[in-house]
Amino acid sequence: MPTLYIVATPIGNLEDISMRALRILGEVDFILCEDTRVTKKLLLHYKVKTPTISYHQHSNEKKHDYILGLFKDGKDLALVSDAGTPGISDPGGKLVQAVIKRFNVEASQATPVQIESVPGPSAVTAALSISGIPTDKFLFLGFPPHKKGRQKFIKGIASSIYPVVVYESKHRIIKFLEELQDLNKEIIKRNQAIDDSVETRQGASKDVKKLLEKKRTLVTSIVICRELSKMHETVYRGELSKLIEQIKLNKDDQKGEFVVIIGK
């Protein structure tokens, strides 16, 4: 039975791959890659000779049809991203949806195509595990929008009752942190306005309660993880203003990929 394997690969250190993942990558007919050049570094390191096929966010319907046709031919495929677990803030989920829809994949073993997870590294869980922030519940929001909807996204972080995890690139990490700083200024003004309004309504307990419920907590507990599992892995903790200053002062601290955890 043809199978689509969703295979997690290292987020940095090439040793962080499971024996099962290596076996699957060596046994399938093709490996679907977000970037074939990135994946081939991993394959060369472990002497895996399976042919690769490019599959990314810009892949068109023709590429989708070609991949789905491989399953009809009885081929086994592995899907990998550049780093971590496919389908988490990358286009892998679209392919899984397409396979489910085209082949009517259900829970039974009689479906024409199987979809299996080969779990492993994920930047989200790696960052949370060393954050020191309570993580029995958390909200993962992926990458912030570049432009449209960005401010709404930022304000949504303050509204969450759970710790929030986001990804951010080296090109926008300073901007993102400064936006959180600006958000704090708005929250202070908003909370002060609510306090002032409460003072004028001391007799109306119901109104006062509703007003107080609208107050927001400042963004104060921040953990920033950079280049997780790589040679220059760095974890920043502390006051938001100090973190911004620290990262601004050193250009090297602005390189790589970032996971930001906003605690509550």
C-alpha atoms as a PDB file:
ATOM      1  CA  MET A   1       0.000   0.000   0.000  1.00  0.00           C
ATOM      2  CA  PRO A   2       1.479   3.409  -0.971  1.00  0.00           C
ATOM      3  CA  THR A   3       2.404   5.513   2.047  1.00  0.00           C
ATOM      4  CA  LEU A   4       3.152   9.177   2.644  1.00  0.00           C
ATOM      5  CA  TYR A   5       5.589   9.498   5.549  1.00  0.00           C
ATOM      6  CA  ILE A   6       5.776  12.853   7.339  1.00  0.00           C
ATOM      7  CA  VAL A   7       9.385  12.801   8.491  1.00  0.00           C
ATOM      8  CA  ALA A   8      10.870  15.182  11.066  1.00  0.00           C
ATOM      9  CA  THR A   9      14.478  16.183  10.395  1.00  0.00           C
ATOM     10  CA  PRO A  10      17.058  18.056  12.520  1.00  0.00           C
ATOM     11  CA  ILE A  11      16.524  21.747  13.205  1.00  0.00           C
ATOM     12  CA  GLY A  12      20.268  22.283  13.274  1.00  0.00           C
ATOM     13  CA  ASN A  13      22.432  19.485  14.645  1.00  0.00           C
ATOM     14  CA  LEU A  14      22.490  16.632  12.111  1.00  0.00           C
ATOM     15  CA  GLU A  15      22.763  14.081  14.931  1.00  0.00           C
ATOM     16  CA  ASP A  16      19.218  14.902  16.023  1.00  0.00           C
ATOM     17  CA  ILE A  17      17.523  12.440  13.682  1.00  0.00           C
ATOM     18  CA  SER A  18      15.957   9.129  14.619  1.00  0.00           C
ATOM     19  CA  MET A  19      17.060   5.741  13.330  1.00  0.00           C
ATOM     20  CA  ARG A  20      13.543   5.189  12.019  1.00  0.00           C
ATOM     21  CA  ALA A  21      13.634   8.456  10.062  1.00  0.00           C
ATOM     22  CA  LEU A  22      16.897   7.437   8.394  1.00  0.00           C
ATOM     23  CA  ARG A  23      15.492   4.016   7.536  1.00  0.00           C
ATOM     24  CA  ILE A  24      12.345   5.502   6.017  1.00  0.00           C
ATOM     25  CA  LEU A  25      14.307   8.062   3.995  1.00  0.00           C
ATOM     26  CA  GLY A  26      16.421   5.248   2.614  1.00  0.00           C
ATOM     27  CA  GLU A  27      13.483   2.960   1.781  1.00  0.00           C
ATOM     28  CA  VAL A  28      10.959   5.280   0.101  1.00  0.00           C
ATOM     29  CA  ASP A  29      10.892   5.827  -3.657  1.00  0.00           C
ATOM     30  CA  PHE A  30      11.125   9.627  -3.456  1.00  0.00           C
ATOM     31  CA  ILE A  31      11.703  12.339  -0.857  1.00  0.00           C
ATOM     32  CA  LEU A  32       9.634  15.529  -1.177  1.00  0.00           C
ATOM     33  CA  CYS A  33      11.766  18.492  -0.048  1.00  0.00           C
ATOM     34  CA  GLU A  34      11.046  22.102   0.795  1.00  0.00           C
ATOM     35  CA  ASP A  35      14.503  22.865  -0.639  1.00  0.00           C
ATOM     36  CA  THR A  36      16.375  19.983  -2.286  1.00  0.00           C
ATOM     37  CA  ARG A  37      19.735  21.686  -1.675  1.00  0.00           C
ATOM     38  CA  VAL A  38      19.162  21.802   2.081  1.00  0.00           C
ATOM     39  CA  THR A  39      17.875  18.223   2.300  1.00  0.00           C
ATOM     40  CA  LYS A  40      20.728  16.840   0.207  1.00  0.00           C
ATOM     41  CA  LYS A  41      23.217  17.995   2.859  1.00  0.00           C
ATOM     42  CA  LEU A  42      21.451  15.701   5.332  1.00  0.00           C
ATOM     43  CA  LEU A  43      21.181  12.856   2.823  1.00  0.00           C
ATOM     44  CA  LEU A  44      24.849  13.089   1.857  1.00  0.00           C
ATOM     45  CA  HIS A  45      25.872  13.088   5.529  1.00  0.00           C
ATOM     46  CA  TYR A  46      24.054   9.789   6.101  1.00  0.00           C
ATOM     47  CA  LYS A  47      24.747   8.366   2.618  1.00  0.00           C
ATOM     48  CA  VAL A  48      21.057   8.218   1.680  1.00  0.00           C
ATOM     49  CA  LYS A  49      20.739   7.984  -2.103  1.00  0.00           C
ATOM     50  CA  THR A  50      16.950   8.298  -2.494  1.00  0.00           C
ATOM     51  CA  PRO A  51      16.002  10.735  -5.308  1.00  0.00           C
ATOM     52  CA  THR A  52      14.409  14.023  -4.234  1.00  0.00           C
ATOM     53  CA  ILE A  53      11.522  16.085  -5.592  1.00  0.00           C
ATOM     54  CA  SER A  54      11.035  19.774  -4.862  1.00  0.00           C
ATOM     55  CA  TYR A  55       7.806  20.610  -3.002  1.00  0.00           C
ATOM     56  CA  HIS A  56       7.287  24.005  -1.373  1.00  0.00           C
ATOM     57  CA  GLN A  57       4.755  26.813  -0.790  1.00  0.00           C
ATOM     58  CA  HIS A  58       4.962  27.940  -4.427  1.00  0.00           C
ATOM     59  CA  SER A  59       4.343  24.478  -5.905  1.00  0.00           C
ATOM     60  CA  ASN A  60       1.444  24.641  -8.365  1.00  0.00           C
ATOM     61  CA  GLU A  61      -1.471  22.306  -9.138  1.00  0.00           C
ATOM     62  CA  LYS A  62       0.579  20.544 -11.808  1.00  0.00           C
ATOM     63  CA  LYS A  63       3.169  19.553  -9.188  1.00  0.00           C
ATOM     64  CA  HIS A  64       0.381  18.423  -6.835  1.00  0.00           C
ATOM     65  CA  ASP A  65      -1.124  16.238  -9.553  1.00  0.00           C
ATOM     66  CA  TYR A  66       2.276  14.754 -10.356  1.00  0.00           C
ATOM     67  CA  ILE A  67       2.882  13.837  -6.699  1.00  0.00           C
ATOM     68  CA  LEU A  68      -0.603  12.382  -6.280  1.00  0.00           C
ATOM     69  CA  GLY A  69      -0.021  10.391  -9.452  1.00  0.00           C
ATOM     70  CA  LEU A  70       3.012   8.757  -7.845  1.00  0.00           C
ATOM     71  CA  PHE A  71       0.736   7.273  -5.194  1.00  0.00           C
ATOM     72  CA  LYS A  72      -1.486   5.845  -7.943  1.00  0.00           C
ATOM     73  CA  ASP A  73       1.653   4.178  -9.305  1.00  0.00           C
ATOM     74  CA  GLY A  74       2.193   2.541  -5.927  1.00  0.00           C
ATOM     75  CA  LYS A  75       5.125   4.718  -4.820  1.00  0.00           C
ATOM     76  CA  ASP A  76       6.058   5.446  -1.198  1.00  0.00           C
ATOM     77  CA  LEU A  77       6.987   9.081  -0.502  1.00  0.00           C
ATOM     78  CA  ALA A  78       8.581  10.886   2.435  1.00  0.00           C
ATOM     79  CA  LEU A  79       7.853  14.557   3.056  1.00  0.00           C
ATOM     80  CA  VAL A  80      10.507  16.637   4.826  1.00  0.00           C
ATOM     81  CA  SER A  81      10.915  20.349   5.513  1.00  0.00           C
ATOM     82  CA  ASP A  82      14.185  22.271   5.645  1.00  0.00           C
ATOM     83  CA  ALA A  83      14.220  21.730   9.410  1.00  0.00           C
ATOM     84  CA  GLY A  84      11.942  20.220  12.010  1.00  0.00           C
ATOM     85  CA  THR A  85       8.520  18.661  11.566  1.00  0.00           C
ATOM     86  CA  PRO A  86       6.673  19.167   8.243  1.00  0.00           C
ATOM     87  CA  GLY A  87       3.277  20.826   8.420  1.00  0.00           C
ATOM     88  CA  ILE A  88       4.263  23.165  11.262  1.00  0.00           C
ATOM     89  CA  SER A  89       4.437  26.647   9.711  1.00  0.00           C
ATOM     90  CA  ASP A  90       5.267  25.194   6.297  1.00  0.00           C
ATOM     91  CA  PRO A  91       3.240  23.958   3.277  1.00  0.00           C
ATOM     92  CA  GLY A  92       3.361  20.284   4.242  1.00  0.00           C
ATOM     93  CA  GLY A  93      -0.152  20.395   5.631  1.00  0.00           C
ATOM     94  CA  LYS A  94      -1.542  21.263   2.181  1.00  0.00           C
ATOM     95  CA  LEU A  95      -0.144  18.062   0.704  1.00  0.00           C
ATOM     96  CA  VAL A  96      -1.577  15.976   3.534  1.00  0.00           C
ATOM     97  CA  GLN A  97      -4.983  17.583   2.920  1.00  0.00           C
ATOM     98  CA  ALA A  98      -4.704  16.905  -0.812  1.00  0.00           C
ATOM     99  CA  VAL A  99      -3.887  13.230  -0.229  1.00  0.00           C
ATOM    100  CA  ILE A 100      -6.784  12.839   2.227  1.00  0.00           C
ATOM    101  CA  LYS A 101      -9.204  14.462  -0.215  1.00  0.00           C
ATOM    102  CA  ARG A 102      -8.016  12.697  -3.389  1.00  0.00           C
ATOM    103  CA  PHE A 103      -7.821   9.197  -1.916  1.00  0.00           C
ATOM    104  CA  ASN A 104     -10.605   9.498   0.674  1.00  0.00           C
ATOM    105  CA  VAL A 105      -8.209   8.571   3.475  1.00  0.00           C
ATOM    106  CA  GLU A 106     -10.037   7.353   6.569  1.00  0.00           C
ATOM    107  CA  ALA A 107      -9.164   5.575   9.790  1.00  0.00           C
ATOM    108  CA  SER A 108      -9.594   2.123   8.308  1.00  0.00           C
ATOM    109  CA  GLN A 109      -6.674   0.135   6.941  1.00  0.00           C
ATOM    110  CA  ALA A 110      -8.482  -0.268   3.612  1.00  0.00           C
ATOM    111  CA  THR A 111      -7.663   3.231   2.360  1.00  0.00           C
ATOM    112  CA  PRO A 112      -5.628   3.324  -0.880  1.00  0.00           C
ATOM    113  CA  VAL A 113      -2.915   5.549   0.632  1.00  0.00           C
ATOM    114  CA  GLN A 114      -1.593   5.547   4.194  1.00  0.00           C
ATOM    115  CA  ILE A 115      -0.285   8.660   5.957  1.00  0.00           C
ATOM    116  CA  GLU A 116       2.214   8.019   8.752  1.00  0.00           C
ATOM    117  CA  SER A 117       4.083  10.330  11.105  1.00  0.00           C
ATOM    118  CA  VAL A 118       7.785   9.816  11.779  1.00  0.00           C
ATOM    119  CA  PRO A 119       8.145  12.210  14.736  1.00  0.00           C
ATOM    120  CA  GLY A 120      11.255  14.025  15.823  1.00  0.00           C
ATOM    121  CA  PRO A 121      12.712  17.528  16.255  1.00  0.00           C
ATOM    122  CA  SER A 122      10.532  20.630  16.434  1.00  0.00           C
ATOM    123  CA  ALA A 123      11.721  24.152  17.221  1.00  0.00           C
ATOM    124  CA  VAL A 124       8.514  24.837  19.169  1.00  0.00           C
ATOM    125  CA  THR A 125       8.941  22.042  21.697  1.00  0.00           C
ATOM    126  CA  ALA A 126      12.711  22.486  21.859  1.00  0.00           C
ATOM    127  CA  ALA A 127      12.326  26.152  22.817  1.00  0.00           C
ATOM    128  CA  LEU A 128       9.529  25.487  25.310  1.00  0.00           C
ATOM    129  CA  SER A 129      11.538  22.755  27.021  1.00  0.00           C
ATOM    130  CA  ILE A 130      14.335  25.172  28.000  1.00  0.00           C
ATOM    131  CA  SER A 131      12.240  28.317  28.487  1.00  0.00           C
ATOM    132  CA  GLY A 132      11.508  27.921  32.185  1.00  0.00           C
ATOM    133  CA  ILE A 133       7.983  29.165  31.464  1.00  0.00           C
ATOM    134  CA  PRO A 134       5.023  26.959  32.564  1.00  0.00           C
ATOM    135  CA  THR A 135       3.969  25.144  29.395  1.00  0.00           C
ATOM    136  CA  ASP A 136       1.183  22.757  30.356  1.00  0.00           C
ATOM    137  CA  LYS A 137      -0.854  24.916  27.970  1.00  0.00           C
ATOM    138  CA  PHE A 138       0.431  27.253  25.266  1.00  0.00           C
ATOM    139  CA  LEU A 139      -0.611  28.957  22.035  1.00  0.00           C
ATOM    140  CA  PHE A 140       1.540  28.560  18.901  1.00  0.00           C
ATOM    141  CA  LEU A 141       0.985  31.260  16.268  1.00  0.00           C
ATOM    142  CA  GLY A 142       3.752  30.567  13.758  1.00  0.00           C
ATOM    143  CA  PHE A 143       5.242  33.531  11.872  1.00  0.00           C
ATOM    144  CA  PRO A 144       3.644  36.995  12.309  1.00  0.00           C
ATOM    145  CA  PRO A 145       2.219  38.490   9.099  1.00  0.00           C
ATOM    146  CA  HIS A 146       4.710  40.757   7.330  1.00  0.00           C
ATOM    147  CA  LYS A 147       2.252  43.606   6.768  1.00  0.00           C
ATOM    148  CA  LYS A 148      -1.519  43.094   6.596  1.00  0.00           C
ATOM    149  CA  GLY A 149      -2.903  41.912   9.919  1.00  0.00           C
ATOM    150  CA  ARG A 150       0.398  42.313  11.759  1.00  0.00           C
ATOM    151  CA  GLN A 151      -0.875  44.773  14.375  1.00  0.00           C
ATOM    152  CA  LYS A 152      -3.933  42.627  15.043  1.00  0.00           C
ATOM    153  CA  PHE A 153      -1.577  39.665  15.458  1.00  0.00           C
ATOM    154  CA  ILE A 154       0.566  41.585  17.975  1.00  0.00           C
ATOM    155  CA  LYS A 155      -2.465  42.681  20.007  1.00  0.00           C
ATOM    156  CA  GLY A 156      -3.736  39.107  20.012  1.00  0.00           C
ATOM    157  CA  ILE A 157      -0.618  38.066  21.911  1.00  0.00           C
ATOM    158  CA  ALA A 158      -1.577  40.319  24.820  1.00  0.00           C
ATOM    159  CA  SER A 159      -5.112  38.909  24.803  1.00  0.00           C
ATOM    160  CA  SER A 160      -3.992  35.304  25.201  1.00  0.00           C
ATOM    161  CA  ILE A 161      -4.356  33.760  28.645  1.00  0.00           C
ATOM    162  CA  TYR A 162      -1.660  31.217  27.746  1.00  0.00           C
ATOM    163  CA  PRO A 163       2.032  31.596  26.875  1.00  0.00           C
ATOM    164  CA  VAL A 164       2.432  32.404  23.185  1.00  0.00           C
ATOM    165  CA  VAL A 165       5.104  30.948  20.895  1.00  0.00           C
ATOM    166  CA  VAL A 166       6.003  32.570  17.577  1.00  0.00           C
ATOM    167  CA  TYR A 167       8.670  32.191  14.939  1.00  0.00           C
ATOM    168  CA  GLU A 168      10.470  35.260  13.606  1.00  0.00           C
ATOM    169  CA  SER A 169      13.196  35.788  11.029  1.00  0.00           C
ATOM    170  CA  LYS A 170      16.467  37.651  11.457  1.00  0.00           C
ATOM    171  CA  HIS A 171      15.096  40.412   9.214  1.00  0.00           C
ATOM    172  CA  ARG A 172      12.219  41.258  11.552  1.00  0.00           C
ATOM    173  CA  ILE A 173      13.216  40.121  15.062  1.00  0.00           C
ATOM    174  CA  ILE A 174      14.091  43.659  16.246  1.00  0.00           C
ATOM    175  CA  LYS A 175      10.898  45.033  14.721  1.00  0.00           C
ATOM    176  CA  PHE A 176       8.824  42.346  16.446  1.00  0.00           C
ATOM    177  CA  LEU A 177      10.343  43.000  19.860  1.00  0.00           C
ATOM    178  CA  GLU A 178       9.877  46.757  19.461  1.00  0.00           C
ATOM    179  CA  GLU A 179       6.251  46.150  18.518  1.00  0.00           C
ATOM    180  CA  LEU A 180       5.815  44.235  21.778  1.00  0.00           C
ATOM    181  CA  GLN A 181       7.368  47.218  23.562  1.00  0.00           C
ATOM    182  CA  ASP A 182       4.907  49.586  21.855  1.00  0.00           C
ATOM    183  CA  LEU A 183       2.105  47.214  22.819  1.00  0.00           C
ATOM    184  CA  ASN A 184       3.101  47.540  26.462  1.00  0.00           C
ATOM    185  CA  LYS A 185       2.829  51.330  26.188  1.00  0.00           C
ATOM    186  CA  GLU A 186      -0.691  50.976  24.783  1.00  0.00           C
ATOM    187  CA  ILE A 187      -1.645  48.567  27.563  1.00  0.00           C
ATOM    188  CA  ILE A 188      -0.383  50.990  30.221  1.00  0.00           C
ATOM    189  CA  LYS A 189      -2.464  53.825  28.741  1.00  0.00           C
ATOM    190  CA  ARG A 190      -5.515  51.592  28.390  1.00  0.00           C
ATOM    191  CA  ASN A 191      -5.261  50.264  31.935  1.00  0.00           C
ATOM    192  CA  GLN A 192      -4.799  53.792  33.314  1.00  0.00           C
ATOM    193  CA  ALA A 193      -7.901  54.964  31.453  1.00  0.00           C
ATOM    194  CA  ILE A 194      -9.843  52.055  32.949  1.00  0.00           C
ATOM    195  CA  ASP A 195      -8.582  52.884  36.460  1.00  0.00           C
ATOM    196  CA  ASP A 196      -9.623  56.517  35.987  1.00  0.00           C
ATOM    197  CA  SER A 197     -13.060  55.420  34.823  1.00  0.00           C
ATOM    198  CA  VAL A 198     -13.423  53.059  37.789  1.00  0.00           C
ATOM    199  CA  GLU A 199     -12.821  55.935  40.203  1.00  0.00           C
ATOM    200  CA  THR A 200     -15.825  57.786  38.775  1.00  0.00           C
ATOM    201  CA  ARG A 201     -18.119  54.750  39.117  1.00  0.00           C
ATOM    202  CA  GLN A 202     -17.453  53.607  42.659  1.00  0.00           C
ATOM    203  CA  GLY A 203     -21.127  52.996  43.335  1.00  0.00           C
ATOM    204  CA  ALA A 204     -21.807  50.836  40.280  1.00  0.00           C
ATOM    205  CA  SER A 205     -20.140  47.540  41.180  1.00  0.00           C
ATOM    206  CA  LYS A 206     -21.300  45.674  38.048  1.00  0.00           C
ATOM    207  CA  ASP A 207     -19.941  48.364  35.738  1.00  0.00           C
ATOM    208  CA  VAL A 208     -16.676  48.450  37.662  1.00  0.00           C
ATOM    209  CA  LYS A 209     -16.274  44.679  37.368  1.00  0.00           C
ATOM    210  CA  LYS A 210     -16.818  44.792  33.593  1.00  0.00           C
ATOM    211  CA  LEU A 211     -14.282  47.572  33.230  1.00  0.00           C
ATOM    212  CA  LEU A 212     -11.653  45.773  35.287  1.00  0.00           C
ATOM    213  CA  GLU A 213     -12.098  42.645  33.151  1.00  0.00           C
ATOM    214  CA  LYS A 214     -10.938  44.690  30.142  1.00  0.00           C
ATOM    215  CA  LYS A 215      -7.541  45.387  31.669  1.00  0.00           C
ATOM    216  CA  ARG A 216      -4.578  43.657  30.029  1.00  0.00           C
ATOM    217  CA  THR A 217      -1.376  42.233  31.495  1.00  0.00           C
ATOM    218  CA  LEU A 218       1.914  43.711  30.328  1.00  0.00           C
ATOM    219  CA  VAL A 219       4.250  41.619  28.203  1.00  0.00           C
ATOM    220  CA  THR A 220       7.134  41.123  30.637  1.00  0.00           C
ATOM    221  CA  SER A 221       8.209  37.469  30.577  1.00  0.00           C
ATOM    222  CA  ILE A 222      10.134  36.909  27.336  1.00  0.00           C
ATOM    223  CA  VAL A 223      12.413  34.074  26.225  1.00  0.00           C
ATOM    224  CA  ILE A 224      14.147  34.292  22.838  1.00  0.00           C
ATOM    225  CA  CYS A 225      15.837  31.222  21.383  1.00  0.00           C
ATOM    226  CA  ARG A 226      18.228  31.659  18.464  1.00  0.00           C
ATOM    227  CA  GLU A 227      19.816  28.959  16.301  1.00  0.00           C
ATOM    228  CA  LEU A 228      18.563  26.083  18.462  1.00  0.00           C
ATOM    229  CA  SER A 229      20.821  22.993  18.446  1.00  0.00           C
ATOM    230  CA  LYS A 230      23.409  24.768  16.266  1.00  0.00           C
ATOM    231  CA  MET A 231      26.920  25.924  17.107  1.00  0.00           C
ATOM    232  CA  HIS A 232      25.796  29.461  17.955  1.00  0.00           C
ATOM    233  CA  GLU A 233      22.679  28.531  19.935  1.00  0.00           C
ATOM    234  CA  THR A 234      21.728  31.410  22.231  1.00  0.00           C
ATOM    235  CA  VAL A 235      18.891  31.851  24.707  1.00  0.00           C
ATOM    236  CA  TYR A 236      17.980  35.343  25.900  1.00  0.00           C
ATOM    237  CA  ARG A 237      15.930  35.948  29.027  1.00  0.00           C
ATOM    238  CA  GLY A 238      15.048  39.143  30.857  1.00  0.00           C
ATOM    239  CA  GLU A 239      13.325  42.498  30.510  1.00  0.00           C
ATOM    240  CA  LEU A 240      12.075  43.308  27.037  1.00  0.00           C
ATOM    241  CA  SER A 241      13.928  46.626  26.767  1.00  0.00           C
ATOM    242  CA  LYS A 242      17.230  45.008  27.795  1.00  0.00           C
ATOM    243  CA  LEU A 243      16.795  42.177  25.312  1.00  0.00           C
ATOM    244  CA  ILE A 244      16.209  44.643  22.483  1.00  0.00           C
ATOM    245  CA  GLU A 245      19.307  46.601  23.471  1.00  0.00           C
ATOM    246  CA  GLN A 246      21.420  43.437  23.715  1.00  0.00           C
ATOM    247  CA  ILE A 247      20.403  42.121  20.303  1.00  0.00           C
ATOM    248  CA  LYS A 248      20.784  45.540  18.672  1.00  0.00           C
ATOM    249  CA  LEU A 249      24.334  45.988  19.980  1.00  0.00           C
ATOM    250  CA  ASN A 250      25.647  42.760  18.462  1.00  0.00           C
ATOM    251  CA  LYS A 251      25.009  42.099  14.753  1.00  0.00           C
ATOM    252  CA  ASP A 252      25.807  38.419  15.297  1.00  0.00           C
ATOM    253  CA  ASP A 253      22.854  38.207  17.679  1.00  0.00           C
ATOM    254  CA  GLN A 254      20.587  39.206  14.791  1.00  0.00           C
ATOM    255  CA  LYS A 255      21.542  36.217  12.648  1.00  0.00           C
ATOM    256  CA  GLY A 256      19.703  32.928  12.327  1.00  0.00           C
ATOM    257  CA  GLU A 257      16.164  31.805  13.072  1.00  0.00           C
ATOM    258  CA  PHE A 258      14.316  32.811  16.233  1.00  0.00           C
ATOM    259  CA  VAL A 259      11.671  31.283  18.465  1.00  0.00           C
ATOM    260  CA  VAL A 260      10.078  33.793  20.822  1.00  0.00           C
ATOM    261  CA  ILE A 261       8.073  32.733  23.867  1.00  0.00           C
ATOM    262  CA  ILE A 262       5.874  35.322  25.560  1.00  0.00           C
ATOM    263  CA  GLY A 263       4.978  34.056  28.998  1.00  0.00           C
ATOM    264  CA  LYS A 264       1.959  34.886  31.153  1.00  0.00           C
END
